[in-house]
Each structure stands twice: as structure tokens, then as C-alpha cells.
């Protein structure tokens, strides 16, 4: 798809464990802050952090191992199609 945005086929998002003040935007990979649209504006809405002051965060609520993390495949209709460890490359490839 010539001319399509980097996230036009797979829309990558990341949820970090740290508070947003503990992360450096400069250290984030380009996939999480792509230049988009006519003016090449940076899309910062691909990175999320838990609200650590409002009770349990998503890692605790969903039982996600904080050391290993996870990868979640969500279809366009918002159906959670697969939940995998971050290093399950073959299983992810097999799914697609």
C-alpha cells in the first residue's frame, strides 16, 4: 500500500508499567510515535500508562506477568483474538 501510514495494516499500541512521568518520549521507538497525516504530526496516542493512584492497574486486573509482559491481538471489531507471551513469534506468525 504505497503512501499508507505505518499503522494502516497493524495498529501497534503499548501499555507500560511505569507512571507516565517515569518514561522518556525520546527513548520510545518510532513505531510508537509515528509521523502522520498531511503535516507529519506525531501521534502520541499509541503509548499508555496505568493510573497508579486509582487502585489496581491493568496488569493486576488481568493477571499479566510483569516480568514477561504479553501481546494481545485485537481484531478491528474489538474482539480479543489471541493473548501471547512477547516472545511467541511462531505462534503469532501462525495466527496471521
Protein backbone atom coordinates (compact mmCIF):
# COMPACT_ATOMS: atom_id res chain seq x y z
CA UNK A 1 0.00 0.00 0.00
CA UNK A 2 2.11 2.85 -1.29
CA UNK A 3 1.63 6.06 0.64
CA UNK A 4 -0.22 4.37 3.51
CA UNK A 5 0.68 5.18 7.10
CA UNK A 6 2.94 2.86 9.08
CA UNK A 7 -0.04 1.73 11.16
CA UNK A 8 -2.54 1.29 8.34
CA UNK A 9 -2.36 -2.53 8.48
CA UNK A 10 -1.37 -3.28 12.09
CA UNK A 11 -2.04 -0.63 14.70
CA UNK A 12 0.53 -1.15 17.45
CA UNK A 13 -0.13 0.09 21.00
CA UNK A 14 1.93 -0.29 24.18
CA UNK A 15 0.95 -0.27 27.85
CA UNK A 16 3.84 0.46 30.18
CA UNK A 17 4.01 -0.40 33.86
CA UNK A 18 5.55 2.89 34.92
CA UNK A 19 3.85 6.18 35.62
CA UNK A 20 3.95 8.41 32.54
CA UNK A 21 6.37 10.80 34.25
CA UNK A 22 8.95 7.99 34.50
CA UNK A 23 9.10 7.43 30.73
CA UNK A 24 11.15 9.39 28.23
CA UNK A 25 9.41 10.08 24.92
CA UNK A 26 12.82 10.40 23.28
CA UNK A 27 13.58 6.78 24.21
CA UNK A 28 10.40 5.42 22.59
CA UNK A 29 10.67 3.61 19.24
CA UNK A 30 9.34 5.33 16.12
CA UNK A 31 6.56 2.72 15.80
CA UNK A 32 5.01 4.16 18.97
CA UNK A 33 5.21 7.78 17.83
CA UNK A 34 4.72 7.81 14.06
CA UNK A 35 4.50 10.96 11.97
CA UNK A 36 1.01 11.00 10.47
CA UNK A 37 -1.18 12.94 8.16
CA UNK A 38 -0.58 15.73 5.75
CA UNK A 39 1.67 17.67 8.13
CA UNK A 40 3.54 14.72 9.63
CA UNK A 41 2.34 15.40 13.16
CA UNK A 42 3.49 12.96 15.83
CA UNK A 43 0.82 10.54 17.06
CA UNK A 44 1.40 10.15 20.80
CA UNK A 45 -1.74 8.05 21.37
CA UNK A 46 -0.03 4.69 20.99
CA UNK A 47 1.56 4.67 24.45
CA UNK A 48 -0.40 4.19 27.65
CA UNK A 49 0.47 4.08 31.34
CA UNK A 50 -1.65 2.92 34.28
CA UNK A 51 -3.17 5.34 36.74
CA UNK A 52 -1.29 4.11 39.78
CA UNK A 53 -3.33 6.30 42.16
CA UNK A 54 -6.76 4.86 41.32
CA UNK A 55 -6.40 1.29 42.56
CA UNK A 56 -5.35 -1.84 40.70
CA UNK A 57 -3.81 -1.34 37.28
CA UNK A 58 -4.39 -3.40 34.12
CA UNK A 59 -1.50 -5.76 34.92
CA UNK A 60 -3.09 -6.72 38.25
CA UNK A 61 -6.65 -6.77 36.90
CA UNK A 62 -5.78 -9.13 34.02
CA UNK A 63 -3.13 -11.22 35.78
CA UNK A 64 -0.35 -10.17 33.39
CA UNK A 65 3.12 -11.25 34.45
CA UNK A 66 5.06 -8.03 34.98
CA UNK A 67 8.37 -9.69 34.12
CA UNK A 68 7.25 -11.36 30.87
CA UNK A 69 4.54 -8.99 29.63
CA UNK A 70 2.17 -10.09 26.89
CA UNK A 71 0.99 -9.41 23.37
CA UNK A 72 -2.73 -9.06 22.63
CA UNK A 73 -4.13 -9.36 19.12
CA UNK A 74 -7.37 -7.38 18.79
CA UNK A 75 -9.40 -7.60 15.60
CA UNK A 76 -10.95 -4.49 14.01
CA UNK A 77 -14.32 -5.46 15.56
CA UNK A 78 -12.60 -5.21 19.00
CA UNK A 79 -12.67 -8.99 19.59
CA UNK A 80 -9.62 -10.17 21.57
CA UNK A 81 -8.40 -12.83 19.18
CA UNK A 82 -5.21 -14.00 20.89
CA UNK A 83 -3.12 -13.38 24.02
CA UNK A 84 0.52 -14.47 23.80
CA UNK A 85 3.85 -14.05 25.58
CA UNK A 86 6.06 -11.37 24.00
CA UNK A 87 8.47 -13.98 22.67
CA UNK A 88 5.85 -16.21 20.96
CA UNK A 89 6.92 -15.25 17.43
CA UNK A 90 5.99 -18.59 15.84
CA UNK A 91 2.53 -18.63 17.43
CA UNK A 92 1.90 -15.05 16.30
CA UNK A 93 3.05 -15.88 12.78
CA UNK A 94 0.85 -18.95 12.80
CA UNK A 95 -2.16 -16.90 13.82
CA UNK A 96 -1.72 -14.48 10.93
